[in-house]
PDB file of N, CA and C in Angstrom:
ATOM      1  N   MET A   1       0.920  -1.140  -0.125  1.00  0.00           N
ATOM      2  CA  MET A   1      -0.026   0.017  -0.025  1.00  0.00           C
ATOM      3  C   MET A   1       0.926   1.096  -0.036  1.00  0.00           C
ATOM      4  N   SER A   2       0.457   2.329  -0.493  1.00  0.00           N
ATOM      5  CA  SER A   2       1.222   3.576  -0.690  1.00  0.00           C
ATOM      6  C   SER A   2       1.520   3.924   0.715  1.00  0.00           C
ATOM      7  N   THR A   3       2.358   5.147   0.751  1.00  0.00           N
ATOM      8  CA  THR A   3       2.878   5.509   2.143  1.00  0.00           C
ATOM      9  C   THR A   3       1.634   6.266   2.838  1.00  0.00           C
ATOM     10  N   TYR A   4       0.717   6.697   2.208  1.00  0.00           N
ATOM     11  CA  TYR A   4      -0.396   7.461   2.611  1.00  0.00           C
ATOM     12  C   TYR A   4      -1.270   6.301   3.485  1.00  0.00           C
ATOM     13  N   LYS A   5      -1.519   6.716   4.746  1.00  0.00           N
ATOM     14  CA  LYS A   5      -2.250   5.599   5.641  1.00  0.00           C
ATOM     15  C   LYS A   5      -3.387   6.575   6.323  1.00  0.00           C
ATOM     16  N   ASN A   6      -4.574   6.019   5.926  1.00  0.00           N
ATOM     17  CA  ASN A   6      -5.773   6.596   6.684  1.00  0.00           C
ATOM     18  C   ASN A   6      -6.462   5.404   7.581  1.00  0.00           C
ATOM     19  N   TYR A   7      -6.274   5.565   8.723  1.00  0.00           N
ATOM     20  CA  TYR A   7      -6.590   4.380   9.642  1.00  0.00           C
ATOM     21  C   TYR A   7      -7.954   3.913   9.536  1.00  0.00           C
ATOM     22  N   ASP A   8      -8.869   4.838   9.271  1.00  0.00           N
ATOM     23  CA  ASP A   8     -10.354   4.457   9.056  1.00  0.00           C
ATOM     24  C   ASP A   8     -10.434   3.596   7.727  1.00  0.00           C
ATOM     25  N   ASP A   9      -9.676   3.881   6.714  1.00  0.00           N
ATOM     26  CA  ASP A   9      -9.740   3.049   5.669  1.00  0.00           C
ATOM     27  C   ASP A   9      -9.229   1.710   5.819  1.00  0.00           C
ATOM     28  N   LEU A  10      -8.101   1.772   6.627  1.00  0.00           N
ATOM     29  CA  LEU A  10      -7.418   0.573   6.851  1.00  0.00           C
ATOM     30  C   LEU A  10      -8.212  -0.430   7.884  1.00  0.00           C
ATOM     31  N   ALA A  11      -8.822   0.199   8.643  1.00  0.00           N
ATOM     32  CA  ALA A  11      -9.794  -0.588   9.587  1.00  0.00           C
ATOM     33  C   ALA A  11     -11.018  -1.193   8.839  1.00  0.00           C
ATOM     34  N   ARG A  12     -11.495  -0.505   7.968  1.00  0.00           N
ATOM     35  CA  ARG A  12     -12.654  -0.833   7.119  1.00  0.00           C
ATOM     36  C   ARG A  12     -12.407  -2.117   6.353  1.00  0.00           C
ATOM     37  N   LEU A  13     -11.062  -2.111   5.914  1.00  0.00           N
ATOM     38  CA  LEU A  13     -10.562  -3.337   5.121  1.00  0.00           C
ATOM     39  C   LEU A  13     -10.143  -4.329   6.095  1.00  0.00           C
ATOM     40  N   GLU A  14      -9.510  -4.133   7.172  1.00  0.00           N
ATOM     41  CA  GLU A  14      -9.222  -5.279   7.946  1.00  0.00           C
ATOM     42  C   GLU A  14     -10.462  -5.826   8.583  1.00  0.00           C
ATOM     43  N   TYR A  15     -11.497  -5.140   9.058  1.00  0.00           N
ATOM     44  CA  TYR A  15     -12.695  -5.890   9.459  1.00  0.00           C
ATOM     45  C   TYR A  15     -13.526  -6.344   8.580  1.00  0.00           C
ATOM     46  N   GLY A  16     -13.391  -5.658   7.197  1.00  0.00           N
ATOM     47  CA  GLY A  16     -14.148  -6.429   6.228  1.00  0.00           C
ATOM     48  C   GLY A  16     -13.763  -7.643   5.856  1.00  0.00           C
ATOM     49  N   HIS A  17     -12.402  -7.849   5.769  1.00  0.00           N
ATOM     50  CA  HIS A  17     -11.840  -8.969   5.512  1.00  0.00           C
ATOM     51  C   HIS A  17     -12.040 -10.011   6.514  1.00  0.00           C
ATOM     52  N   ILE A  18     -12.210  -9.679   7.875  1.00  0.00           N
ATOM     53  CA  ILE A  18     -12.488 -10.706   9.032  1.00  0.00           C
ATOM     54  C   ILE A  18     -13.912 -11.301   8.664  1.00  0.00           C
ATOM     55  N   LEU A  19     -14.885 -10.312   8.366  1.00  0.00           N
ATOM     56  CA  LEU A  19     -16.076 -10.702   8.306  1.00  0.00           C
ATOM     57  C   LEU A  19     -16.367 -11.526   6.928  1.00  0.00           C
ATOM     58  N   TRP A  20     -15.682 -10.879   5.987  1.00  0.00           N
ATOM     59  CA  TRP A  20     -15.942 -11.708   4.648  1.00  0.00           C
ATOM     60  C   TRP A  20     -15.363 -13.119   4.585  1.00  0.00           C
ATOM     61  N   ARG A  21     -14.456 -13.486   5.560  1.00  0.00           N
ATOM     62  CA  ARG A  21     -13.778 -14.961   5.423  1.00  0.00           C
ATOM     63  C   ARG A  21     -15.184 -15.844   5.944  1.00  0.00           C
ATOM     64  N   ASN A  22     -15.964 -15.274   6.568  1.00  0.00           N
ATOM     65  CA  ASN A  22     -17.038 -16.148   7.241  1.00  0.00           C
ATOM     66  C   ASN A  22     -18.185 -16.079   6.341  1.00  0.00           C
ATOM     67  N   PRO A  23     -18.581 -17.196   5.679  1.00  0.00           N
ATOM     68  CA  PRO A  23     -19.725 -17.272   4.695  1.00  0.00           C
ATOM     69  C   PRO A  23     -21.007 -16.677   5.111  1.00  0.00           C
ATOM     70  N   ARG A  24     -21.271 -16.975   6.480  1.00  0.00           N
ATOM     71  CA  ARG A  24     -22.566 -16.444   6.936  1.00  0.00           C
ATOM     72  C   ARG A  24     -22.505 -14.903   6.963  1.00  0.00           C
ATOM     73  N   TYR A  25     -21.335 -14.318   7.441  1.00  0.00           N
ATOM     74  CA  TYR A  25     -21.292 -12.851   7.436  1.00  0.00           C
ATOM     75  C   TYR A  25     -21.135 -12.294   6.266  1.00  0.00           C
ATOM     76  N   ARG A  26     -20.627 -12.917   5.290  1.00  0.00           N
ATOM     77  CA  ARG A  26     -20.408 -12.398   3.973  1.00  0.00           C
ATOM     78  C   ARG A  26     -21.830 -12.272   3.312  1.00  0.00           C
ATOM     79  N   GLU A  27     -22.616 -13.235   3.589  1.00  0.00           N
ATOM     80  CA  GLU A  27     -24.094 -13.001   2.907  1.00  0.00           C
ATOM     81  C   GLU A  27     -24.684 -12.014   3.713  1.00  0.00           C
ATOM     82  N   GLU A  28     -24.433 -11.874   5.064  1.00  0.00           N
ATOM     83  CA  GLU A  28     -25.241 -10.725   5.715  1.00  0.00           C
ATOM     84  C   GLU A  28     -24.608  -9.318   5.155  1.00  0.00           C
ATOM     85  N   LEU A  29     -23.453  -9.292   4.992  1.00  0.00           N
ATOM     86  CA  LEU A  29     -22.948  -7.967   4.549  1.00  0.00           C
ATOM     87  C   LEU A  29     -23.713  -7.756   3.160  1.00  0.00           C
ATOM     88  N   ILE A  30     -23.569  -8.496   2.145  1.00  0.00           N
ATOM     89  CA  ILE A  30     -24.215  -8.367   0.949  1.00  0.00           C
ATOM     90  C   ILE A  30     -25.655  -8.157   1.138  1.00  0.00           C
ATOM     91  N   GLY A  31     -26.342  -8.760   2.022  1.00  0.00           N
ATOM     92  CA  GLY A  31     -27.892  -8.436   2.175  1.00  0.00           C
ATOM     93  C   GLY A  31     -28.027  -7.065   2.858  1.00  0.00           C
ATOM     94  N   HIS A  32     -27.210  -6.787   3.600  1.00  0.00           N
ATOM     95  CA  HIS A  32     -27.152  -5.379   4.284  1.00  0.00           C
ATOM     96  C   HIS A  32     -27.054  -4.294   3.238  1.00  0.00           C
ATOM     97  N   TRP A  33     -25.969  -4.463   2.322  1.00  0.00           N
ATOM     98  CA  TRP A  33     -25.648  -3.416   1.613  1.00  0.00           C
ATOM     99  C   TRP A  33     -26.636  -3.291   0.300  1.00  0.00           C
ATOM    100  N   THR A  34     -27.279  -4.634  -0.033  1.00  0.00           N
ATOM    101  CA  THR A  34     -28.306  -4.620  -1.066  1.00  0.00           C
ATOM    102  C   THR A  34     -29.648  -4.253  -0.685  1.00  0.00           C
ATOM    103  N   ASP A  35     -29.871  -3.964   0.395  1.00  0.00           N
ATOM    104  CA  ASP A  35     -31.313  -3.728   0.975  1.00  0.00           C
ATOM    105  C   ASP A  35     -31.633  -2.501   0.418  1.00  0.00           C
ATOM    106  N   SER A  36     -32.982  -2.482  -0.023  1.00  0.00           N
ATOM    107  CA  SER A  36     -33.418  -1.276  -0.397  1.00  0.00           C
ATOM    108  C   SER A  36     -33.505  -0.132   0.521  1.00  0.00           C
ATOM    109  N   CYS A  37     -33.271  -0.216   1.615  1.00  0.00           N
ATOM    110  CA  CYS A  37     -33.180   1.014   2.584  1.00  0.00           C
ATOM    111  C   CYS A  37     -31.827   1.386   3.074  1.00  0.00           C
ATOM    112  N   HIS A  38     -30.939   0.561   2.398  1.00  0.00           N
ATOM    113  CA  HIS A  38     -29.426   1.072   2.764  1.00  0.00           C
ATOM    114  C   HIS A  38     -29.114   2.401   1.737  1.00  0.00           C
ATOM    115  N   PRO A  39     -28.700   3.403   2.541  1.00  0.00           N
ATOM    116  CA  PRO A  39     -28.619   4.692   1.615  1.00  0.00           C
ATOM    117  C   PRO A  39     -27.378   4.409   0.625  1.00  0.00           C
ATOM    118  N   HIS A  40     -26.452   3.692   0.882  1.00  0.00           N
ATOM    119  CA  HIS A  40     -25.393   3.472  -0.126  1.00  0.00           C
ATOM    120  C   HIS A  40     -25.589   2.254  -1.047  1.00  0.00           C
ATOM    121  N   ARG A  41     -26.885   1.751  -1.285  1.00  0.00           N
ATOM    122  CA  ARG A  41     -27.285   0.627  -1.963  1.00  0.00           C
ATOM    123  C   ARG A  41     -26.825   0.816  -3.528  1.00  0.00           C
ATOM    124  N   GLU A  42     -27.224   1.681  -4.055  1.00  0.00           N
ATOM    125  CA  GLU A  42     -26.806   1.948  -5.528  1.00  0.00           C
ATOM    126  C   GLU A  42     -25.484   2.089  -5.952  1.00  0.00           C
ATOM    127  N   HIS A  43     -24.688   2.728  -4.944  1.00  0.00           N
ATOM    128  CA  HIS A  43     -23.257   2.984  -5.273  1.00  0.00           C
ATOM    129  C   HIS A  43     -22.694   1.572  -4.970  1.00  0.00           C
ATOM    130  N   PHE A  44     -23.182   0.847  -3.910  1.00  0.00           N
ATOM    131  CA  PHE A  44     -22.501  -0.538  -3.852  1.00  0.00           C
ATOM    132  C   PHE A  44     -22.839  -1.392  -5.004  1.00  0.00           C
ATOM    133  N   LEU A  45     -24.101  -1.395  -5.567  1.00  0.00           N
ATOM    134  CA  LEU A  45     -24.345  -2.303  -6.833  1.00  0.00           C
ATOM    135  C   LEU A  45     -23.351  -1.897  -7.834  1.00  0.00           C
ATOM    136  N   TRP A  46     -23.087  -0.535  -7.998  1.00  0.00           N
ATOM    137  CA  TRP A  46     -22.248  -0.059  -9.051  1.00  0.00           C
ATOM    138  C   TRP A  46     -20.785  -0.642  -8.917  1.00  0.00           C
ATOM    139  N   ASN A  47     -20.506  -0.538  -7.720  1.00  0.00           N
ATOM    140  CA  ASN A  47     -19.060  -1.069  -7.404  1.00  0.00           C
ATOM    141  C   ASN A  47     -18.882  -2.495  -6.763  1.00  0.00           C
ATOM    142  N   ARG A  48     -19.873  -3.247  -6.892  1.00  0.00           N
ATOM    143  CA  ARG A  48     -19.981  -4.566  -6.113  1.00  0.00           C
ATOM    144  C   ARG A  48     -18.786  -5.545  -6.336  1.00  0.00           C
ATOM    145  N   ALA A  49     -18.390  -5.529  -7.770  1.00  0.00           N
ATOM    146  CA  ALA A  49     -17.384  -6.454  -8.068  1.00  0.00           C
ATOM    147  C   ALA A  49     -16.010  -6.095  -7.518  1.00  0.00           C
ATOM    148  N   LEU A  50     -15.813  -4.686  -7.499  1.00  0.00           N
ATOM    149  CA  LEU A  50     -14.472  -4.308  -6.961  1.00  0.00           C
ATOM    150  C   LEU A  50     -14.555  -4.415  -5.393  1.00  0.00           C
ATOM    151  N   VAL A  51     -15.685  -4.178  -4.537  1.00  0.00           N
ATOM    152  CA  VAL A  51     -15.768  -4.198  -3.275  1.00  0.00           C
ATOM    153  C   VAL A  51     -15.462  -5.762  -2.813  1.00  0.00           C
ATOM    154  N   GLU A  52     -16.075  -6.738  -3.763  1.00  0.00           N
ATOM    155  CA  GLU A  52     -16.051  -8.187  -3.410  1.00  0.00           C
ATOM    156  C   GLU A  52     -14.621  -8.676  -3.487  1.00  0.00           C
ATOM    157  N   ARG A  53     -14.042  -8.289  -4.660  1.00  0.00           N
ATOM    158  CA  ARG A  53     -12.782  -8.617  -4.864  1.00  0.00           C
ATOM    159  C   ARG A  53     -11.731  -7.861  -3.921  1.00  0.00           C
ATOM    160  N   LEU A  54     -11.847  -6.878  -3.479  1.00  0.00           N
ATOM    161  CA  LEU A  54     -11.139  -6.274  -2.367  1.00  0.00           C
ATOM    162  C   LEU A  54     -11.194  -6.977  -1.054  1.00  0.00           C
ATOM    163  N   LEU A  55     -12.486  -7.224  -0.709  1.00  0.00           N
ATOM    164  CA  LEU A  55     -12.606  -7.978   0.747  1.00  0.00           C
ATOM    165  C   LEU A  55     -12.136  -9.354   0.543  1.00  0.00           C
ATOM    166  N   ALA A  56     -12.238 -10.010  -0.453  1.00  0.00           N
ATOM    167  CA  ALA A  56     -11.570 -11.458  -0.737  1.00  0.00           C
ATOM    168  C   ALA A  56     -10.235 -11.656  -0.853  1.00  0.00           C
ATOM    169  N   SER A  57      -9.500 -10.476  -1.163  1.00  0.00           N
ATOM    170  CA  SER A  57      -8.218 -10.518  -1.360  1.00  0.00           C
ATOM    171  C   SER A  57      -7.319 -10.640  -0.028  1.00  0.00           C
ATOM    172  N   ARG A  58      -6.093 -11.173  -0.201  1.00  0.00           N
ATOM    173  CA  ARG A  58      -5.350 -11.496   1.014  1.00  0.00           C
ATOM    174  C   ARG A  58      -4.472 -10.059   1.116  1.00  0.00           C
ATOM    175  N   PRO A  59      -4.223  -9.753   2.423  1.00  0.00           N
ATOM    176  CA  PRO A  59      -3.519  -8.628   2.849  1.00  0.00           C
ATOM    177  C   PRO A  59      -2.183  -8.606   2.319  1.00  0.00           C
ATOM    178  N   GLU A  60      -1.554  -9.553   2.051  1.00  0.00           N
ATOM    179  CA  GLU A  60      -0.387  -9.642   1.435  1.00  0.00           C
ATOM    180  C   GLU A  60      -0.155  -9.411   0.023  1.00  0.00           C
ATOM    181  N   ASP A  61      -1.397  -9.383  -0.639  1.00  0.00           N
ATOM    182  CA  ASP A  61      -1.513  -9.062  -2.023  1.00  0.00           C
ATOM    183  C   ASP A  61      -1.832  -7.755  -2.346  1.00  0.00           C
ATOM    184  N   ASP A  62      -1.843  -6.720  -1.254  1.00  0.00           N
ATOM    185  CA  ASP A  62      -2.140  -5.362  -1.393  1.00  0.00           C
ATOM    186  C   ASP A  62      -1.381  -4.715  -2.511  1.00  0.00           C
ATOM    187  N   SER A  63      -0.094  -4.994  -2.509  1.00  0.00           N
ATOM    188  CA  SER A  63       0.713  -4.214  -3.429  1.00  0.00           C
ATOM    189  C   SER A  63       0.500  -4.791  -4.867  1.00  0.00           C
ATOM    190  N   ILE A  64       0.176  -5.984  -5.153  1.00  0.00           N
ATOM    191  CA  ILE A  64      -0.125  -6.548  -6.371  1.00  0.00           C
ATOM    192  C   ILE A  64      -1.416  -5.694  -6.976  1.00  0.00           C
ATOM    193  N   PHE A  65      -2.564  -5.899  -5.935  1.00  0.00           N
ATOM    194  CA  PHE A  65      -3.867  -5.388  -6.294  1.00  0.00           C
ATOM    195  C   PHE A  65      -3.725  -3.711  -6.621  1.00  0.00           C
ATOM    196  N   GLU A  66      -2.786  -3.155  -5.719  1.00  0.00           N
ATOM    197  CA  GLU A  66      -2.669  -1.595  -6.046  1.00  0.00           C
ATOM    198  C   GLU A  66      -2.136  -1.377  -7.391  1.00  0.00           C
ATOM    199  N   SER A  67      -1.158  -2.163  -7.732  1.00  0.00           N
ATOM    200  CA  SER A  67      -0.407  -1.987  -8.954  1.00  0.00           C
ATOM    201  C   SER A  67      -1.572  -2.243 -10.088  1.00  0.00           C
ATOM    202  N   GLU A  68      -2.474  -3.260  -9.963  1.00  0.00           N
ATOM    203  CA  GLU A  68      -3.692  -3.337 -11.142  1.00  0.00           C
ATOM    204  C   GLU A  68      -4.517  -2.208 -11.098  1.00  0.00           C
ATOM    205  N   LEU A  69      -4.805  -1.755  -9.830  1.00  0.00           N
ATOM    206  CA  LEU A  69      -5.679  -0.567  -9.809  1.00  0.00           C
ATOM    207  C   LEU A  69      -5.079   0.801 -10.449  1.00  0.00           C
ATOM    208  N   ILE A  70      -3.722   1.022 -10.284  1.00  0.00           N
ATOM    209  CA  ILE A  70      -3.025   2.017 -10.755  1.00  0.00           C
ATOM    210  C   ILE A  70      -3.114   2.010 -12.316  1.00  0.00           C
ATOM    211  N   GLN A  71      -2.911   0.809 -12.947  1.00  0.00           N
ATOM    212  CA  GLN A  71      -3.083   0.684 -14.336  1.00  0.00           C
ATOM    213  C   GLN A  71      -4.438   0.857 -14.777  1.00  0.00           C
ATOM    214  N   SER A  72      -5.493   1.104 -13.849  1.00  0.00           N
ATOM    215  CA  SER A  72      -6.894   1.360 -14.383  1.00  0.00           C
ATOM    216  C   SER A  72      -7.259   2.685 -13.820  1.00  0.00           C
ATOM    217  N   ASP A  73      -6.068   3.655 -13.505  1.00  0.00           N
ATOM    218  CA  ASP A  73      -6.298   4.908 -13.146  1.00  0.00           C
ATOM    219  C   ASP A  73      -7.044   5.227 -11.756  1.00  0.00           C
ATOM    220  N   THR A  74      -6.918   4.417 -11.003  1.00  0.00           N
ATOM    221  CA  THR A  74      -7.383   4.479  -9.496  1.00  0.00           C
ATOM    222  C   THR A  74      -6.289   3.937  -8.641  1.00  0.00           C
ATOM    223  N   SER A  75      -6.500   3.825  -7.500  1.00  0.00           N
ATOM    224  CA  SER A  75      -5.539   3.217  -6.227  1.00  0.00           C
ATOM    225  C   SER A  75      -6.382   2.499  -5.254  1.00  0.00           C
ATOM    226  N   LEU A  76      -5.546   1.616  -4.530  1.00  0.00           N
ATOM    227  CA  LEU A  76      -6.129   0.982  -3.399  1.00  0.00           C
ATOM    228  C   LEU A  76      -6.731   1.754  -2.394  1.00  0.00           C
ATOM    229  N   ARG A  77      -6.084   3.072  -2.260  1.00  0.00           N
ATOM    230  CA  ARG A  77      -6.722   4.033  -1.256  1.00  0.00           C
ATOM    231  C   ARG A  77      -8.050   4.387  -1.643  1.00  0.00           C
ATOM    232  N   ALA A  78      -8.429   4.685  -2.978  1.00  0.00           N
ATOM    233  CA  ALA A  78      -9.692   5.165  -3.597  1.00  0.00           C
ATOM    234  C   ALA A  78     -10.686   3.692  -3.513  1.00  0.00           C
ATOM    235  N   ALA A  79      -9.975   2.642  -3.767  1.00  0.00           N
ATOM    236  CA  ALA A  79     -10.883   1.289  -3.797  1.00  0.00           C
ATOM    237  C   ALA A  79     -11.365   1.182  -2.260  1.00  0.00           C
ATOM    238  N   LEU A  80     -10.711   1.432  -1.277  1.00  0.00           N
ATOM    239  CA  LEU A  80     -11.102   1.418   0.206  1.00  0.00           C
ATOM    240  C   LEU A  80     -12.255   2.091   0.466  1.00  0.00           C
ATOM    241  N   ARG A  81     -12.312   3.211  -0.104  1.00  0.00           N
ATOM    242  CA  ARG A  81     -13.573   4.118   0.142  1.00  0.00           C
ATOM    243  C   ARG A  81     -14.786   3.613  -0.511  1.00  0.00           C
ATOM    244  N   GLU A  82     -14.711   2.560  -1.486  1.00  0.00           N
ATOM    245  CA  GLU A  82     -15.785   1.990  -2.199  1.00  0.00           C
ATOM    246  C   GLU A  82     -16.642   0.990  -1.030  1.00  0.00           C
ATOM    247  N   ILE A  83     -15.926   0.611   0.002  1.00  0.00           N
ATOM    248  CA  ILE A  83     -16.605  -0.354   1.054  1.00  0.00           C
ATOM    249  C   ILE A  83     -17.595   0.402   1.627  1.00  0.00           C
ATOM    250  N   PRO A  84     -18.861   0.142   1.643  1.00  0.00           N
ATOM    251  CA  PRO A  84     -19.927   0.857   2.215  1.00  0.00           C
ATOM    252  C   PRO A  84     -19.837   0.697   3.745  1.00  0.00           C
ATOM    253  N   PRO A  85     -20.384   1.631   4.378  1.00  0.00           N
ATOM    254  CA  PRO A  85     -20.542   1.416   5.902  1.00  0.00           C
ATOM    255  C   PRO A  85     -21.641   0.614   6.357  1.00  0.00           C
ATOM    256  N   VAL A  86     -21.391   0.017   7.435  1.00  0.00           N
ATOM    257  CA  VAL A  86     -22.358  -0.996   8.096  1.00  0.00           C
ATOM    258  C   VAL A  86     -23.056  -0.044   9.285  1.00  0.00           C
ATOM    259  N   PHE A  87     -24.333  -0.068   9.368  1.00  0.00           N
ATOM    260  CA  PHE A  87     -25.057   0.754  10.302  1.00  0.00           C
ATOM    261  C   PHE A  87     -25.511  -0.367  11.394  1.00  0.00           C
ATOM    262  N   GLY A  88     -25.163  -0.078  12.655  1.00  0.00           N
ATOM    263  CA  GLY A  88     -25.513  -0.937  13.792  1.00  0.00           C
ATOM    264  C   GLY A  88     -26.977  -1.177  13.844  1.00  0.00           C
ATOM    265  N   SER A  89     -27.720  -0.336  13.855  1.00  0.00           N
ATOM    266  CA  SER A  89     -29.077  -0.673  14.300  1.00  0.00           C
ATOM    267  C   SER A  89     -29.658  -1.307  13.016  1.00  0.00           C
ATOM    268  N   PHE A  90     -29.407  -0.635  11.996  1.00  0.00           N
ATOM    269  CA  PHE A  90     -29.796  -1.166  10.590  1.00  0.00           C
ATOM    270  C   PHE A  90     -29.453  -2.618  10.233  1.00  0.00           C
ATOM    271  N   TRP A  91     -28.136  -2.810  10.624  1.00  0.00           N
ATOM    272  CA  TRP A  91     -27.519  -4.222  10.543  1.00  0.00           C
ATOM    273  C   TRP A  91     -28.347  -5.281  11.305  1.00  0.00           C
ATOM    274  N   LYS A  92     -28.810  -5.073  12.307  1.00  0.00           N
ATOM    275  CA  LYS A  92     -29.602  -5.747  13.106  1.00  0.00           C
ATOM    276  C   LYS A  92     -30.842  -6.160  12.307  1.00  0.00           C
ATOM    277  N   CYS A  93     -31.576  -5.185  11.904  1.00  0.00           N
ATOM    278  CA  CYS A  93     -32.891  -5.330  11.319  1.00  0.00           C
ATOM    279  C   CYS A  93     -32.579  -6.097  10.084  1.00  0.00           C
ATOM    280  N   THR A  94     -31.598  -5.895   9.266  1.00  0.00           N
ATOM    281  CA  THR A  94     -31.416  -6.571   7.889  1.00  0.00           C
ATOM    282  C   THR A  94     -31.077  -8.059   8.325  1.00  0.00           C
ATOM    283  N   THR A  95     -30.250  -8.321   9.407  1.00  0.00           N
ATOM    284  CA  THR A  95     -29.888  -9.734   9.373  1.00  0.00           C
ATOM    285  C   THR A  95     -30.928 -10.524  10.279  1.00  0.00           C
ATOM    286  N   MET A  96     -32.147  -9.862  10.935  1.00  0.00           N
ATOM    287  CA  MET A  96     -33.093 -10.638  11.672  1.00  0.00           C
ATOM    288  C   MET A  96     -34.234 -10.839  10.745  1.00  0.00           C
ATOM    289  N   ARG A  97     -34.320 -10.342   9.688  1.00  0.00           N
ATOM    290  CA  ARG A  97     -35.501 -10.453   8.702  1.00  0.00           C
ATOM    291  C   ARG A  97     -35.822 -11.748   8.256  1.00  0.00           C
ATOM    292  N   ASP A  98     -34.740 -12.713   8.281  1.00  0.00           N
ATOM    293  CA  ASP A  98     -35.009 -14.104   7.632  1.00  0.00           C
ATOM    294  C   ASP A  98     -35.764 -15.030   8.675  1.00  0.00           C
TER     295      ASP A  98
END
C-alpha cells in the first residue's frame, strides 16, 4: 500500500476481511448493502465487483492489487473508500429478517 495511511480506511478493510472470510457474515454484508433501505445501495451495486474482490483479497497481495488498480487509473486508497459502511441498528434489522 502507498505511504499514505488513513486508519479509518485500513480498519474498514481489516474488519471487512474478517467478516468476509465467514460465509454467513459475507451473506449478511451483501444482504445489508443490497437492502433497498441502505443509503449506499446503488453505489454498492455499481462497485460490487470491486468491493467483493477487495474484501476477498489477501492482505499480503495489497501491493499487487494496487498495481492493477493504478493501471486502471485508480488506487487501493480509492478502492477502500468504495466499501460501504455498516449501520449498527440497521444491520440488526437486515440480519434478523430471515
